[in-house]
Amino acid sequence: MIAVILGGLEALWPAFEMDDLPVACAFRRATGMPCPGCGLTRAWVALGRGAVEESLTFHRLGWVVMLYVVLQTIRHALWLWARRWREVIERPGKWLDRALILLAIVLFANWGLVLAGS
């Protein structure tokens, strides 16, 4: 949601540019190197305004992480809203939880590629 808001700000307010934002990553500020999630916010903002190619330049897995967050949000909203269906909702929800491990592995593999210059 915040990414969509920032994307809208960037589109509607010409003086606002994502590149003007300070580096918020403590790891990057401390080491000078990007972390596995560096660029995700900018990638999400670009996705929020429909700039898919630009999003991929900020973080090539930004769309995957965003998809995961959206699916988890839907899962938890349904769980809260449909009390009678909680057991049914939790079956695919467990797969989503397990997918987080795979997502972390993929993010760290991508990080290795970024550090190697690929």
PDB file of N, CA and C in Angstrom:
ATOM      1  N   MET A   1       0.822  -1.190   0.000  1.00  0.00           N
ATOM      2  CA  MET A   1       0.000   0.000   0.000  1.00  0.00           C
ATOM      3  C   MET A   1       0.867   1.255   0.000  1.00  0.00           C
ATOM      4  N   ILE A   2       1.896   1.251   0.824  1.00  0.00           N
ATOM      5  CA  ILE A   2       2.787   2.408   0.881  1.00  0.00           C
ATOM      6  C   ILE A   2       3.496   2.597  -0.453  1.00  0.00           C
ATOM      7  N   ALA A   3       3.857   1.476  -1.092  1.00  0.00           N
ATOM      8  CA  ALA A   3       4.518   1.553  -2.398  1.00  0.00           C
ATOM      9  C   ALA A   3       3.616   2.212  -3.426  1.00  0.00           C
ATOM     10  N   VAL A   4       2.337   1.894  -3.392  1.00  0.00           N
ATOM     11  CA  VAL A   4       1.388   2.509  -4.324  1.00  0.00           C
ATOM     12  C   VAL A   4       1.268   4.001  -4.042  1.00  0.00           C
ATOM     13  N   ILE A   5       1.234   4.371  -2.770  1.00  0.00           N
ATOM     14  CA  ILE A   5       1.150   5.786  -2.394  1.00  0.00           C
ATOM     15  C   ILE A   5       2.395   6.535  -2.861  1.00  0.00           C
ATOM     16  N   LEU A   6       3.577   5.963  -2.593  1.00  0.00           N
ATOM     17  CA  LEU A   6       4.817   6.614  -3.038  1.00  0.00           C
ATOM     18  C   LEU A   6       4.881   6.691  -4.559  1.00  0.00           C
ATOM     19  N   GLY A   7       4.429   5.638  -5.230  1.00  0.00           N
ATOM     20  CA  GLY A   7       4.392   5.662  -6.698  1.00  0.00           C
ATOM     21  C   GLY A   7       3.470   6.751  -7.211  1.00  0.00           C
ATOM     22  N   GLY A   8       2.331   6.916  -6.563  1.00  0.00           N
ATOM     23  CA  GLY A   8       1.406   7.979  -6.939  1.00  0.00           C
ATOM     24  C   GLY A   8       1.996   9.348  -6.687  1.00  0.00           C
ATOM     25  N   LEU A   9       2.676   9.514  -5.554  1.00  0.00           N
ATOM     26  CA  LEU A   9       3.350  10.785  -5.262  1.00  0.00           C
ATOM     27  C   LEU A   9       4.365  11.128  -6.339  1.00  0.00           C
ATOM     28  N   GLU A  10       5.130  10.108  -6.727  1.00  0.00           N
ATOM     29  CA  GLU A  10       6.159  10.326  -7.739  1.00  0.00           C
ATOM     30  C   GLU A  10       5.530  10.710  -9.077  1.00  0.00           C
ATOM     31  N   ALA A  11       4.387  10.091  -9.390  1.00  0.00           N
ATOM     32  CA  ALA A  11       3.725  10.379 -10.662  1.00  0.00           C
ATOM     33  C   ALA A  11       3.016  11.728 -10.649  1.00  0.00           C
ATOM     34  N   LEU A  12       2.418  12.095  -9.512  1.00  0.00           N
ATOM     35  CA  LEU A  12       1.625  13.317  -9.438  1.00  0.00           C
ATOM     36  C   LEU A  12       2.422  14.556  -9.055  1.00  0.00           C
ATOM     37  N   TRP A  13       3.496  14.373  -8.339  1.00  0.00           N
ATOM     38  CA  TRP A  13       4.285  15.498  -7.841  1.00  0.00           C
ATOM     39  C   TRP A  13       5.652  15.439  -8.501  1.00  0.00           C
ATOM     40  N   PRO A  14       5.843  16.200  -9.584  1.00  0.00           N
ATOM     41  CA  PRO A  14       7.086  16.111 -10.354  1.00  0.00           C
ATOM     42  C   PRO A  14       8.359  16.363  -9.540  1.00  0.00           C
ATOM     43  N   ALA A  15       8.249  17.127  -8.469  1.00  0.00           N
ATOM     44  CA  ALA A  15       9.437  17.432  -7.668  1.00  0.00           C
ATOM     45  C   ALA A  15       9.878  16.233  -6.824  1.00  0.00           C
ATOM     46  N   PHE A  16       8.967  15.295  -6.598  1.00  0.00           N
ATOM     47  CA  PHE A  16       9.275  14.119  -5.784  1.00  0.00           C
ATOM     48  C   PHE A  16       9.838  13.017  -6.673  1.00  0.00           C
ATOM     49  N   GLU A  17      11.029  12.539  -6.335  1.00  0.00           N
ATOM     50  CA  GLU A  17      11.630  11.429  -7.067  1.00  0.00           C
ATOM     51  C   GLU A  17      12.166  10.425  -6.069  1.00  0.00           C
ATOM     52  N   MET A  18      11.993   9.166  -6.395  1.00  0.00           N
ATOM     53  CA  MET A  18      12.456   8.106  -5.503  1.00  0.00           C
ATOM     54  C   MET A  18      13.961   8.194  -5.261  1.00  0.00           C
ATOM     55  N   ASP A  19      14.695   8.650  -6.250  1.00  0.00           N
ATOM     56  CA  ASP A  19      16.152   8.734  -6.087  1.00  0.00           C
ATOM     57  C   ASP A  19      16.555   9.763  -5.036  1.00  0.00           C
ATOM     58  N   ASP A  20      15.625  10.675  -4.697  1.00  0.00           N
ATOM     59  CA  ASP A  20      15.917  11.696  -3.693  1.00  0.00           C
ATOM     60  C   ASP A  20      15.781  11.172  -2.264  1.00  0.00           C
ATOM     61  N   LEU A  21      15.169  10.001  -2.106  1.00  0.00           N
ATOM     62  CA  LEU A  21      14.989   9.460  -0.765  1.00  0.00           C
ATOM     63  C   LEU A  21      16.336   9.028  -0.190  1.00  0.00           C
ATOM     64  N   PRO A  22      16.519   9.194   1.115  1.00  0.00           N
ATOM     65  CA  PRO A  22      17.775   8.752   1.722  1.00  0.00           C
ATOM     66  C   PRO A  22      17.845   7.226   1.770  1.00  0.00           C
ATOM     67  N   VAL A  23      19.048   6.709   1.897  1.00  0.00           N
ATOM     68  CA  VAL A  23      19.217   5.260   2.031  1.00  0.00           C
ATOM     69  C   VAL A  23      18.737   4.867   3.425  1.00  0.00           C
ATOM     70  N   ALA A  24      17.717   4.032   3.481  1.00  0.00           N
ATOM     71  CA  ALA A  24      17.128   3.646   4.762  1.00  0.00           C
ATOM     72  C   ALA A  24      17.718   2.355   5.304  1.00  0.00           C
ATOM     73  N   CYS A  25      18.481   1.650   4.498  1.00  0.00           N
ATOM     74  CA  CYS A  25      19.025   0.353   4.892  1.00  0.00           C
ATOM     75  C   CYS A  25      20.210   0.545   5.837  1.00  0.00           C
ATOM     76  N   ALA A  26      20.054   0.061   7.067  1.00  0.00           N
ATOM     77  CA  ALA A  26      21.121   0.187   8.065  1.00  0.00           C
ATOM     78  C   ALA A  26      22.351  -0.619   7.649  1.00  0.00           C
ATOM     79  N   PHE A  27      22.131  -1.781   7.029  1.00  0.00           N
ATOM     80  CA  PHE A  27      23.247  -2.610   6.579  1.00  0.00           C
ATOM     81  C   PHE A  27      24.068  -1.877   5.526  1.00  0.00           C
ATOM     82  N   ARG A  28      23.389  -1.259   4.575  1.00  0.00           N
ATOM     83  CA  ARG A  28      24.092  -0.538   3.504  1.00  0.00           C
ATOM     84  C   ARG A  28      24.826   0.688   4.059  1.00  0.00           C
ATOM     85  N   ARG A  29      24.185   1.395   4.975  1.00  0.00           N
ATOM     86  CA  ARG A  29      24.846   2.564   5.576  1.00  0.00           C
ATOM     87  C   ARG A  29      26.068   2.146   6.375  1.00  0.00           C
ATOM     88  N   ALA A  30      26.003   1.004   7.051  1.00  0.00           N
ATOM     89  CA  ALA A  30      27.111   0.558   7.893  1.00  0.00           C
ATOM     90  C   ALA A  30      28.254  -0.055   7.090  1.00  0.00           C
ATOM     91  N   THR A  31      27.918  -0.794   6.012  1.00  0.00           N
ATOM     92  CA  THR A  31      28.950  -1.533   5.282  1.00  0.00           C
ATOM     93  C   THR A  31      29.253  -0.974   3.897  1.00  0.00           C
ATOM     94  N   GLY A  32      28.320  -0.185   3.354  1.00  0.00           N
ATOM     95  CA  GLY A  32      28.477   0.301   1.988  1.00  0.00           C
ATOM     96  C   GLY A  32      28.049  -0.727   0.946  1.00  0.00           C
ATOM     97  N   MET A  33      27.644  -1.905   1.401  1.00  0.00           N
ATOM     98  CA  MET A  33      27.186  -2.968   0.497  1.00  0.00           C
ATOM     99  C   MET A  33      25.671  -3.120   0.633  1.00  0.00           C
ATOM    100  N   PRO A  34      25.011  -3.534  -0.445  1.00  0.00           N
ATOM    101  CA  PRO A  34      23.564  -3.746  -0.356  1.00  0.00           C
ATOM    102  C   PRO A  34      23.242  -5.006   0.447  1.00  0.00           C
ATOM    103  N   CYS A  35      22.072  -5.014   1.062  1.00  0.00           N
ATOM    104  CA  CYS A  35      21.595  -6.214   1.751  1.00  0.00           C
ATOM    105  C   CYS A  35      20.707  -7.007   0.783  1.00  0.00           C
ATOM    106  N   PRO A  36      20.240  -8.186   1.164  1.00  0.00           N
ATOM    107  CA  PRO A  36      19.393  -8.963   0.253  1.00  0.00           C
ATOM    108  C   PRO A  36      18.101  -8.252  -0.155  1.00  0.00           C
ATOM    109  N   GLY A  37      17.639  -7.319   0.658  1.00  0.00           N
ATOM    110  CA  GLY A  37      16.390  -6.622   0.350  1.00  0.00           C
ATOM    111  C   GLY A  37      16.568  -5.222  -0.194  1.00  0.00           C
ATOM    112  N   CYS A  38      17.812  -4.787  -0.373  1.00  0.00           N
ATOM    113  CA  CYS A  38      18.044  -3.430  -0.879  1.00  0.00           C
ATOM    114  C   CYS A  38      17.398  -3.262  -2.256  1.00  0.00           C
ATOM    115  N   GLY A  39      16.639  -2.211  -2.394  1.00  0.00           N
ATOM    116  CA  GLY A  39      15.962  -1.917  -3.646  1.00  0.00           C
ATOM    117  C   GLY A  39      14.519  -2.373  -3.684  1.00  0.00           C
ATOM    118  N   LEU A  40      14.081  -3.134  -2.665  1.00  0.00           N
ATOM    119  CA  LEU A  40      12.709  -3.629  -2.687  1.00  0.00           C
ATOM    120  C   LEU A  40      11.683  -2.499  -2.622  1.00  0.00           C
ATOM    121  N   THR A  41      11.904  -1.513  -1.787  1.00  0.00           N
ATOM    122  CA  THR A  41      10.936  -0.413  -1.686  1.00  0.00           C
ATOM    123  C   THR A  41      10.809   0.302  -3.011  1.00  0.00           C
ATOM    124  N   ARG A  42      11.928   0.641  -3.623  1.00  0.00           N
ATOM    125  CA  ARG A  42      11.884   1.327  -4.911  1.00  0.00           C
ATOM    126  C   ARG A  42      11.261   0.433  -5.992  1.00  0.00           C
ATOM    127  N   ALA A  43      11.541  -0.866  -5.935  1.00  0.00           N
ATOM    128  CA  ALA A  43      10.945  -1.809  -6.886  1.00  0.00           C
ATOM    129  C   ALA A  43       9.432  -1.850  -6.711  1.00  0.00           C
ATOM    130  N   TRP A  44       8.974  -1.846  -5.473  1.00  0.00           N
ATOM    131  CA  TRP A  44       7.532  -1.873  -5.217  1.00  0.00           C
ATOM    132  C   TRP A  44       6.865  -0.580  -5.659  1.00  0.00           C
ATOM    133  N   VAL A  45       7.532   0.536  -5.430  1.00  0.00           N
ATOM    134  CA  VAL A  45       6.970   1.821  -5.874  1.00  0.00           C
ATOM    135  C   VAL A  45       6.842   1.833  -7.393  1.00  0.00           C
ATOM    136  N   ALA A  46       7.868   1.368  -8.076  1.00  0.00           N
ATOM    137  CA  ALA A  46       7.805   1.294  -9.540  1.00  0.00           C
ATOM    138  C   ALA A  46       6.670   0.373  -9.978  1.00  0.00           C
ATOM    139  N   LEU A  47       6.521  -0.764  -9.313  1.00  0.00           N
ATOM    140  CA  LEU A  47       5.407  -1.659  -9.625  1.00  0.00           C
ATOM    141  C   LEU A  47       4.069  -0.982  -9.351  1.00  0.00           C
ATOM    142  N   GLY A  48       4.025  -0.203  -8.278  1.00  0.00           N
ATOM    143  CA  GLY A  48       2.797   0.495  -7.915  1.00  0.00           C
ATOM    144  C   GLY A  48       2.318   1.462  -8.976  1.00  0.00           C
ATOM    145  N   ARG A  49       3.245   1.967  -9.770  1.00  0.00           N
ATOM    146  CA  ARG A  49       2.831   2.864 -10.858  1.00  0.00           C
ATOM    147  C   ARG A  49       2.913   2.192 -12.224  1.00  0.00           C
ATOM    148  N   GLY A  50       3.120   0.870 -12.210  1.00  0.00           N
ATOM    149  CA  GLY A  50       3.067   0.111 -13.451  1.00  0.00           C
ATOM    150  C   GLY A  50       4.354   0.048 -14.252  1.00  0.00           C
ATOM    151  N   ALA A  51       5.459   0.489 -13.697  1.00  0.00           N
ATOM    152  CA  ALA A  51       6.743   0.484 -14.405  1.00  0.00           C
ATOM    153  C   ALA A  51       7.499  -0.804 -14.083  1.00  0.00           C
ATOM    154  N   VAL A  52       7.116  -1.888 -14.749  1.00  0.00           N
ATOM    155  CA  VAL A  52       7.668  -3.208 -14.445  1.00  0.00           C
ATOM    156  C   VAL A  52       9.160  -3.277 -14.754  1.00  0.00           C
ATOM    157  N   GLU A  53       9.574  -2.803 -15.911  1.00  0.00           N
ATOM    158  CA  GLU A  53      10.995  -2.864 -16.266  1.00  0.00           C
ATOM    159  C   GLU A  53      11.856  -2.079 -15.289  1.00  0.00           C
ATOM    160  N   GLU A  54      11.386  -0.908 -14.908  1.00  0.00           N
ATOM    161  CA  GLU A  54      12.128  -0.103 -13.936  1.00  0.00           C
ATOM    162  C   GLU A  54      12.196  -0.826 -12.591  1.00  0.00           C
ATOM    163  N   SER A  55      11.107  -1.463 -12.210  1.00  0.00           N
ATOM    164  CA  SER A  55      11.066  -2.223 -10.966  1.00  0.00           C
ATOM    165  C   SER A  55      12.148  -3.295 -10.947  1.00  0.00           C
ATOM    166  N   LEU A  56      12.319  -3.974 -12.072  1.00  0.00           N
ATOM    167  CA  LEU A  56      13.322  -5.034 -12.155  1.00  0.00           C
ATOM    168  C   LEU A  56      14.745  -4.491 -12.042  1.00  0.00           C
ATOM    169  N   THR A  57      14.956  -3.235 -12.403  1.00  0.00           N
ATOM    170  CA  THR A  57      16.293  -2.652 -12.250  1.00  0.00           C
ATOM    171  C   THR A  57      16.610  -2.355 -10.788  1.00  0.00           C
ATOM    172  N   PHE A  58      15.594  -2.062  -9.998  1.00  0.00           N
ATOM    173  CA  PHE A  58      15.818  -1.793  -8.569  1.00  0.00           C
ATOM    174  C   PHE A  58      16.057  -3.089  -7.798  1.00  0.00           C
ATOM    175  N   HIS A  59      15.245  -4.100  -8.071  1.00  0.00           N
ATOM    176  CA  HIS A  59      15.412  -5.413  -7.432  1.00  0.00           C
ATOM    177  C   HIS A  59      14.706  -6.431  -8.302  1.00  0.00           C
ATOM    178  N   ARG A  60      15.472  -7.374  -8.829  1.00  0.00           N
ATOM    179  CA  ARG A  60      14.889  -8.309  -9.805  1.00  0.00           C
ATOM    180  C   ARG A  60      13.845  -9.232  -9.206  1.00  0.00           C
ATOM    181  N   LEU A  61      13.782  -9.353  -7.888  1.00  0.00           N
ATOM    182  CA  LEU A  61      12.784 -10.212  -7.247  1.00  0.00           C
ATOM    183  C   LEU A  61      11.709  -9.426  -6.510  1.00  0.00           C
ATOM    184  N   GLY A  62      11.662  -8.129  -6.746  1.00  0.00           N
ATOM    185  CA  GLY A  62      10.668  -7.301  -6.061  1.00  0.00           C
ATOM    186  C   GLY A  62       9.248  -7.772  -6.296  1.00  0.00           C
ATOM    187  N   TRP A  63       8.951  -8.170  -7.520  1.00  0.00           N
ATOM    188  CA  TRP A  63       7.591  -8.620  -7.845  1.00  0.00           C
ATOM    189  C   TRP A  63       7.256  -9.931  -7.129  1.00  0.00           C
ATOM    190  N   VAL A  64       8.247 -10.788  -6.922  1.00  0.00           N
ATOM    191  CA  VAL A  64       8.010 -12.061  -6.228  1.00  0.00           C
ATOM    192  C   VAL A  64       7.691 -11.798  -4.760  1.00  0.00           C
ATOM    193  N   VAL A  65       8.464 -10.917  -4.146  1.00  0.00           N
ATOM    194  CA  VAL A  65       8.236 -10.584  -2.740  1.00  0.00           C
ATOM    195  C   VAL A  65       6.883  -9.900  -2.590  1.00  0.00           C
ATOM    196  N   MET A  66       6.552  -9.012  -3.530  1.00  0.00           N
ATOM    197  CA  MET A  66       5.262  -8.334  -3.458  1.00  0.00           C
ATOM    198  C   MET A  66       4.118  -9.343  -3.603  1.00  0.00           C
ATOM    199  N   LEU A  67       4.246 -10.278  -4.521  1.00  0.00           N
ATOM    200  CA  LEU A  67       3.223 -11.312  -4.696  1.00  0.00           C
ATOM    201  C   LEU A  67       3.060 -12.117  -3.415  1.00  0.00           C
ATOM    202  N   TYR A  68       4.170 -12.477  -2.782  1.00  0.00           N
ATOM    203  CA  TYR A  68       4.112 -13.227  -1.530  1.00  0.00           C
ATOM    204  C   TYR A  68       3.377 -12.427  -0.452  1.00  0.00           C
ATOM    205  N   VAL A  69       3.693 -11.160  -0.332  1.00  0.00           N
ATOM    206  CA  VAL A  69       3.052 -10.307   0.675  1.00  0.00           C
ATOM    207  C   VAL A  69       1.560 -10.181   0.396  1.00  0.00           C
ATOM    208  N   VAL A  70       1.192 -10.008  -0.863  1.00  0.00           N
ATOM    209  CA  VAL A  70      -0.225  -9.901  -1.224  1.00  0.00           C
ATOM    210  C   VAL A  70      -0.956 -11.198  -0.875  1.00  0.00           C
ATOM    211  N   LEU A  71      -0.376 -12.344  -1.208  1.00  0.00           N
ATOM    212  CA  LEU A  71      -1.018 -13.627  -0.899  1.00  0.00           C
ATOM    213  C   LEU A  71      -1.166 -13.835   0.609  1.00  0.00           C
ATOM    214  N   GLN A  72      -0.149 -13.481   1.368  1.00  0.00           N
ATOM    215  CA  GLN A  72      -0.237 -13.604   2.826  1.00  0.00           C
ATOM    216  C   GLN A  72      -1.287 -12.634   3.395  1.00  0.00           C
ATOM    217  N   THR A  73      -1.369 -11.449   2.825  1.00  0.00           N
ATOM    218  CA  THR A  73      -2.364 -10.480   3.283  1.00  0.00           C
ATOM    219  C   THR A  73      -3.770 -10.998   3.039  1.00  0.00           C
ATOM    220  N   ILE A  74      -3.999 -11.558   1.855  1.00  0.00           N
ATOM    221  CA  ILE A  74      -5.313 -12.130   1.533  1.00  0.00           C
ATOM    222  C   ILE A  74      -5.624 -13.285   2.485  1.00  0.00           C
ATOM    223  N   ARG A  75      -4.643 -14.140   2.689  1.00  0.00           N
ATOM    224  CA  ARG A  75      -4.835 -15.276   3.594  1.00  0.00           C
ATOM    225  C   ARG A  75      -5.251 -14.825   4.985  1.00  0.00           C
ATOM    226  N   HIS A  76      -4.527 -13.861   5.536  1.00  0.00           N
ATOM    227  CA  HIS A  76      -4.826 -13.420   6.896  1.00  0.00           C
ATOM    228  C   HIS A  76      -6.127 -12.630   6.980  1.00  0.00           C
ATOM    229  N   ALA A  77      -6.442 -11.874   5.947  1.00  0.00           N
ATOM    230  CA  ALA A  77      -7.721 -11.156   5.926  1.00  0.00           C
ATOM    231  C   ALA A  77      -8.879 -12.149   5.892  1.00  0.00           C
ATOM    232  N   LEU A  78      -8.761 -13.181   5.066  1.00  0.00           N
ATOM    233  CA  LEU A  78      -9.806 -14.212   5.015  1.00  0.00           C
ATOM    234  C   LEU A  78      -9.924 -14.949   6.342  1.00  0.00           C
ATOM    235  N   TRP A  79      -8.787 -15.225   6.952  1.00  0.00           N
ATOM    236  CA  TRP A  79      -8.792 -15.925   8.238  1.00  0.00           C
ATOM    237  C   TRP A  79      -9.531 -15.113   9.294  1.00  0.00           C
ATOM    238  N   LEU A  80      -9.314 -13.803   9.297  1.00  0.00           N
ATOM    239  CA  LEU A  80      -9.995 -12.939  10.264  1.00  0.00           C
ATOM    240  C   LEU A  80     -11.473 -12.771   9.942  1.00  0.00           C
ATOM    241  N   TRP A  81     -11.779 -12.724   8.662  1.00  0.00           N
ATOM    242  CA  TRP A  81     -13.140 -12.429   8.225  1.00  0.00           C
ATOM    243  C   TRP A  81     -14.049 -13.657   8.261  1.00  0.00           C
ATOM    244  N   ALA A  82     -13.571 -14.803   7.836  1.00  0.00           N
ATOM    245  CA  ALA A  82     -14.396 -16.008   7.697  1.00  0.00           C
ATOM    246  C   ALA A  82     -14.013 -17.028   8.763  1.00  0.00           C
ATOM    247  N   ARG A  83     -14.534 -16.847   9.953  1.00  0.00           N
ATOM    248  CA  ARG A  83     -14.167 -17.715  11.076  1.00  0.00           C
ATOM    249  C   ARG A  83     -14.481 -19.185  10.805  1.00  0.00           C
ATOM    250  N   ARG A  84     -15.582 -19.469  10.144  1.00  0.00           N
ATOM    251  CA  ARG A  84     -15.972 -20.864   9.889  1.00  0.00           C
ATOM    252  C   ARG A  84     -15.030 -21.556   8.918  1.00  0.00           C
ATOM    253  N   TRP A  85     -14.314 -20.799   8.123  1.00  0.00           N
ATOM    254  CA  TRP A  85     -13.450 -21.365   7.087  1.00  0.00           C
ATOM    255  C   TRP A  85     -11.982 -21.389   7.480  1.00  0.00           C
ATOM    256  N   ARG A  86     -11.694 -21.103   8.719  1.00  0.00           N
ATOM    257  CA  ARG A  86     -10.296 -20.998   9.148  1.00  0.00           C
ATOM    258  C   ARG A  86      -9.494 -22.269   8.875  1.00  0.00           C
ATOM    259  N   GLU A  87     -10.083 -23.413   9.127  1.00  0.00           N
ATOM    260  CA  GLU A  87      -9.368 -24.670   8.897  1.00  0.00           C
ATOM    261  C   GLU A  87      -9.053 -24.855   7.414  1.00  0.00           C
ATOM    262  N   VAL A  88      -9.990 -24.496   6.565  1.00  0.00           N
ATOM    263  CA  VAL A  88      -9.792 -24.608   5.117  1.00  0.00           C
ATOM    264  C   VAL A  88      -8.739 -23.599   4.652  1.00  0.00           C
ATOM    265  N   ILE A  89      -8.773 -22.407   5.205  1.00  0.00           N
ATOM    266  CA  ILE A  89      -7.834 -21.350   4.831  1.00  0.00           C
ATOM    267  C   ILE A  89      -6.412 -21.716   5.255  1.00  0.00           C
ATOM    268  N   GLU A  90      -6.280 -22.399   6.372  1.00  0.00           N
ATOM    269  CA  GLU A  90      -4.950 -22.715   6.897  1.00  0.00           C
ATOM    270  C   GLU A  90      -4.217 -23.767   6.086  1.00  0.00           C
ATOM    271  N   ARG A  91      -4.923 -24.629   5.373  1.00  0.00           N
ATOM    272  CA  ARG A  91      -4.229 -25.649   4.562  1.00  0.00           C
ATOM    273  C   ARG A  91      -3.310 -25.004   3.529  1.00  0.00           C
ATOM    274  N   PRO A  92      -3.829 -24.141   2.638  1.00  0.00           N
ATOM    275  CA  PRO A  92      -2.893 -23.480   1.710  1.00  0.00           C
ATOM    276  C   PRO A  92      -1.995 -22.477   2.433  1.00  0.00           C
ATOM    277  N   GLY A  93      -2.465 -21.978   3.571  1.00  0.00           N
ATOM    278  CA  GLY A  93      -1.656 -21.044   4.344  1.00  0.00           C
ATOM    279  C   GLY A  93      -0.357 -21.662   4.825  1.00  0.00           C
ATOM    280  N   LYS A  94      -0.401 -22.953   5.158  1.00  0.00           N
ATOM    281  CA  LYS A  94       0.822 -23.637   5.588  1.00  0.00           C
ATOM    282  C   LYS A  94       1.821 -23.719   4.441  1.00  0.00           C
ATOM    283  N   TRP A  95       1.322 -23.887   3.231  1.00  0.00           N
ATOM    284  CA  TRP A  95       2.218 -23.898   2.065  1.00  0.00           C
ATOM    285  C   TRP A  95       2.849 -22.525   1.869  1.00  0.00           C
ATOM    286  N   LEU A  96       2.058 -21.480   2.097  1.00  0.00           N
ATOM    287  CA  LEU A  96       2.612 -20.127   2.004  1.00  0.00           C
ATOM    288  C   LEU A  96       3.710 -19.924   3.046  1.00  0.00           C
ATOM    289  N   ASP A  97       3.478 -20.431   4.249  1.00  0.00           N
ATOM    290  CA  ASP A  97       4.491 -20.301   5.297  1.00  0.00           C
ATOM    291  C   ASP A  97       5.777 -21.022   4.905  1.00  0.00           C
ATOM    292  N   ARG A  98       5.631 -22.211   4.333  1.00  0.00           N
ATOM    293  CA  ARG A  98       6.811 -22.959   3.899  1.00  0.00           C
ATOM    294  C   ARG A  98       7.510 -22.261   2.732  1.00  0.00           C
ATOM    295  N   ALA A  99       6.734 -21.603   1.896  1.00  0.00           N
ATOM    296  CA  ALA A  99       7.303 -20.897   0.744  1.00  0.00           C
ATOM    297  C   ALA A  99       8.220 -19.763   1.196  1.00  0.00           C
ATOM    298  N   LEU A 100       8.025 -19.271   2.409  1.00  0.00           N
ATOM    299  CA  LEU A 100       8.884 -18.202   2.917  1.00  0.00           C
ATOM    300  C   LEU A 100      10.336 -18.670   3.003  1.00  0.00           C
ATOM    301  N   ILE A 101      10.544 -19.932   3.335  1.00  0.00           N
ATOM    302  CA  ILE A 101      11.908 -20.477   3.395  1.00  0.00           C
ATOM    303  C   ILE A 101      12.530 -20.447   2.001  1.00  0.00           C
ATOM    304  N   LEU A 102      11.774 -20.895   1.010  1.00  0.00           N
ATOM    305  CA  LEU A 102      12.260 -20.867  -0.370  1.00  0.00           C
ATOM    306  C   LEU A 102      12.523 -19.429  -0.823  1.00  0.00           C
ATOM    307  N   LEU A 103      11.625 -18.520  -0.461  1.00  0.00           N
ATOM    308  CA  LEU A 103      11.806 -17.115  -0.833  1.00  0.00           C
ATOM    309  C   LEU A 103      13.092 -16.560  -0.222  1.00  0.00           C
ATOM    310  N   ALA A 104      13.367 -16.897   1.025  1.00  0.00           N
ATOM    311  CA  ALA A 104      14.600 -16.429   1.677  1.00  0.00           C
ATOM    312  C   ALA A 104      15.831 -16.982   0.967  1.00  0.00           C
ATOM    313  N   ILE A 105      15.784 -18.260   0.590  1.00  0.00           N
ATOM    314  CA  ILE A 105      16.911 -18.860  -0.122  1.00  0.00           C
ATOM    315  C   ILE A 105      17.140 -18.157  -1.450  1.00  0.00           C
ATOM    316  N   VAL A 106      16.060 -17.899  -2.168  1.00  0.00           N
ATOM    317  CA  VAL A 106      16.167 -17.227  -3.469  1.00  0.00           C
ATOM    318  C   VAL A 106      16.692 -15.802  -3.293  1.00  0.00           C
ATOM    319  N   LEU A 107      16.238 -15.099  -2.253  1.00  0.00           N
ATOM    320  CA  LEU A 107      16.726 -13.739  -2.006  1.00  0.00           C
ATOM    321  C   LEU A 107      18.224 -13.738  -1.711  1.00  0.00           C
ATOM    322  N   PHE A 108      18.689 -14.700  -0.921  1.00  0.00           N
ATOM    323  CA  PHE A 108      20.118 -14.755  -0.621  1.00  0.00           C
ATOM    324  C   PHE A 108      20.938 -15.166  -1.842  1.00  0.00           C
ATOM    325  N   ALA A 109      20.385 -16.044  -2.672  1.00  0.00           N
ATOM    326  CA  ALA A 109      21.087 -16.404  -3.924  1.00  0.00           C
ATOM    327  C   ALA A 109      21.179 -15.187  -4.826  1.00  0.00           C
ATOM    328  N   ASN A 110      20.095 -14.426  -4.922  1.00  0.00           N
ATOM    329  CA  ASN A 110      20.112 -13.193  -5.710  1.00  0.00           C
ATOM    330  C   ASN A 110      21.126 -12.199  -5.150  1.00  0.00           C
ATOM    331  N   TRP A 111      21.199 -12.115  -3.828  1.00  0.00           N
ATOM    332  CA  TRP A 111      22.150 -11.228  -3.172  1.00  0.00           C
ATOM    333  C   TRP A 111      23.576 -11.597  -3.586  1.00  0.00           C
ATOM    334  N   GLY A 112      23.864 -12.898  -3.610  1.00  0.00           N
ATOM    335  CA  GLY A 112      25.178 -13.342  -4.049  1.00  0.00           C
ATOM    336  C   GLY A 112      25.483 -12.897  -5.472  1.00  0.00           C
ATOM    337  N   LEU A 113      24.486 -12.980  -6.347  1.00  0.00           N
ATOM    338  CA  LEU A 113      24.658 -12.518  -7.722  1.00  0.00           C
ATOM    339  C   LEU A 113      24.903 -11.014  -7.775  1.00  0.00           C
ATOM    340  N   VAL A 114      24.178 -10.263  -6.960  1.00  0.00           N
ATOM    341  CA  VAL A 114      24.350  -8.803  -6.913  1.00  0.00           C
ATOM    342  C   VAL A 114      25.759  -8.452  -6.440  1.00  0.00           C
ATOM    343  N   LEU A 115      26.211  -9.125  -5.389  1.00  0.00           N
ATOM    344  CA  LEU A 115      27.562  -8.844  -4.879  1.00  0.00           C
ATOM    345  C   LEU A 115      28.637  -9.255  -5.870  1.00  0.00           C
ATOM    346  N   ALA A 116      28.348 -10.277  -6.680  1.00  0.00           N
ATOM    347  CA  ALA A 116      29.311 -10.731  -7.688  1.00  0.00           C
ATOM    348  C   ALA A 116      29.280  -9.847  -8.925  1.00  0.00           C
ATOM    349  N   GLY A 117      28.321  -8.950  -8.990  1.00  0.00           N
ATOM    350  CA  GLY A 117      28.253  -8.027 -10.126  1.00  0.00           C
ATOM    351  C   GLY A 117      27.390  -8.498 -11.266  1.00  0.00           C
ATOM    352  N   SER A 118      26.575  -9.509 -11.052  1.00  0.00           N
ATOM    353  CA  SER A 118      25.714 -10.018 -12.138  1.00  0.00           C
ATOM    354  C   SER A 118      24.398  -9.265 -12.182  1.00  0.00           C
TER     355      SER A 118
END
